[in-house]
Amino acid sequence: MVIVLIGTNNLAAGDAPCAIASAIEAVGRRGEELWPGVRVFLVKIPPRGEDWKFKQTERQELNAEIGRIADRRQWRVLDIDNLMSCGFSKGCAHYQADRLHFSVE
């Protein structure tokens, strides 16, 4: 199993969603090359920042493309938005105070 959860720092750097999606697909393909028959899971980019709004438009665009990649390549996609953000609540303990890094809780 290969689980790919990358790209949020690329959004922060201003990279285009299509470029990030291309890199995510390349990582999944590399996993298939290294381990034939592996199951690839792409994790959509979770929300971050104050009020969960950091680069929201770009993140949604990227997540839509991640879904299309998964469909095209017959990979699985995981949308962890509600789970990791506790339903987008302000008091969610799944993130550290910076609302970027996951906590150990």
Protein backbone atom coordinates (compact mmCIF):
# COMPACT_ATOMS: atom_id res chain seq x y z
CA MET A 1 0.00 0.00 0.00
CA VAL A 2 1.24 3.49 -0.87
CA ILE A 3 -0.43 6.45 0.81
CA VAL A 4 0.34 9.81 -0.78
CA LEU A 5 -0.34 12.89 1.35
CA ILE A 6 1.68 15.72 -0.13
CA GLY A 7 1.10 19.16 -1.59
CA THR A 8 0.01 21.56 1.14
CA ASN A 9 3.44 23.21 1.31
CA ASN A 10 3.36 23.58 -2.47
CA LEU A 11 0.09 25.51 -2.15
CA ALA A 12 1.77 27.79 0.39
CA ALA A 13 4.67 28.31 -2.01
CA GLY A 14 2.25 29.47 -4.71
CA ASP A 15 2.61 26.47 -7.01
CA ALA A 16 -0.30 25.96 -9.39
CA PRO A 17 -2.80 23.24 -8.46
CA CYS A 18 -2.26 21.51 -11.81
CA ALA A 19 1.51 21.34 -11.20
CA ILE A 20 1.00 19.95 -7.70
CA ALA A 21 -1.45 17.36 -9.02
CA SER A 22 1.06 16.29 -11.65
CA ALA A 23 3.69 15.73 -8.96
CA ILE A 24 1.24 13.78 -6.80
CA GLU A 25 0.46 11.51 -9.74
CA ALA A 26 4.18 11.02 -10.39
CA VAL A 27 4.71 9.89 -6.79
CA GLY A 28 1.87 7.38 -7.10
CA ARG A 29 3.26 6.08 -10.40
CA ARG A 30 6.69 5.69 -8.82
CA GLY A 31 5.14 3.61 -6.07
CA GLU A 32 3.65 1.34 -8.72
CA GLU A 33 7.05 1.03 -10.41
CA LEU A 34 8.78 0.11 -7.17
CA TRP A 35 6.11 -2.28 -5.93
CA PRO A 36 4.07 -3.82 -8.78
CA GLY A 37 0.52 -4.57 -7.74
CA VAL A 38 0.59 -2.04 -4.90
CA ARG A 39 -2.64 -0.26 -3.94
CA VAL A 40 -2.25 3.52 -4.21
CA PHE A 41 -4.24 5.86 -1.99
CA LEU A 42 -4.23 9.60 -2.68
CA VAL A 43 -5.20 11.77 0.28
CA LYS A 44 -6.88 15.02 -0.66
CA ILE A 45 -5.17 18.07 0.80
CA PRO A 46 -6.78 18.75 4.19
CA PRO A 47 -7.88 22.25 5.24
CA ARG A 48 -5.52 24.48 7.16
CA GLY A 49 -5.11 27.95 8.55
CA GLU A 50 -7.35 30.25 10.49
CA ASP A 51 -11.01 29.34 10.00
CA TRP A 52 -9.74 26.56 7.69
CA LYS A 53 -9.63 29.02 4.78
CA PHE A 54 -5.95 29.02 3.74
CA LYS A 55 -5.80 28.90 -0.08
CA GLN A 56 -9.30 27.42 -0.05
CA THR A 57 -10.07 27.99 -3.74
CA GLU A 58 -6.75 26.51 -4.88
CA ARG A 59 -7.06 23.62 -2.41
CA GLN A 60 -10.51 22.72 -3.71
CA GLU A 61 -9.25 22.89 -7.30
CA LEU A 62 -6.33 20.63 -6.41
CA ASN A 63 -8.54 18.19 -4.54
CA ALA A 64 -10.87 17.93 -7.54
CA GLU A 65 -7.86 17.10 -9.71
CA ILE A 66 -6.67 14.51 -7.18
CA GLY A 67 -10.09 12.87 -7.50
CA ARG A 68 -9.82 12.82 -11.30
CA ILE A 69 -6.33 11.29 -11.12
CA ALA A 70 -7.58 8.58 -8.79
CA ASP A 71 -10.50 7.79 -11.09
CA ARG A 72 -8.32 7.71 -14.20
CA ARG A 73 -5.63 5.52 -12.64
CA GLN A 74 -8.04 3.37 -10.64
CA TRP A 75 -6.46 4.44 -7.38
CA ARG A 76 -8.34 5.15 -4.21
CA VAL A 77 -8.87 8.64 -2.87
CA LEU A 78 -9.32 9.67 0.76
CA ASP A 79 -11.10 12.89 1.71
CA ILE A 80 -10.19 13.61 5.33
CA ASP A 81 -11.51 17.19 5.59
CA ASN A 82 -14.33 16.62 8.08
CA LEU A 83 -12.44 14.05 10.10
CA MET A 84 -9.23 16.05 10.54
CA SER A 85 -10.95 19.42 11.08
CA CYS A 86 -13.56 17.99 13.49
CA GLY A 87 -16.24 19.19 11.11
CA PHE A 88 -14.40 22.50 10.66
CA SER A 89 -14.69 23.40 14.35
CA LYS A 90 -12.39 25.97 15.93
CA GLY A 91 -11.55 23.79 18.91
CA CYS A 92 -10.33 20.78 16.93
CA ALA A 93 -7.48 18.94 18.63
CA HIS A 94 -6.30 17.10 15.49
CA TYR A 95 -4.07 20.03 14.53
CA GLN A 96 -1.39 21.89 16.39
CA ALA A 97 -2.05 25.57 17.17
CA ASP A 98 -0.69 26.61 13.74
CA ARG A 99 -3.62 24.80 12.03
CA LEU A 100 -1.08 23.28 9.64
CA HIS A 101 0.63 20.39 11.41
CA PHE A 102 -1.33 17.44 12.72
CA SER A 103 -1.22 16.80 16.44
CA VAL A 104 -0.64 13.46 18.10
CA GLU A 105 -4.20 13.42 19.49
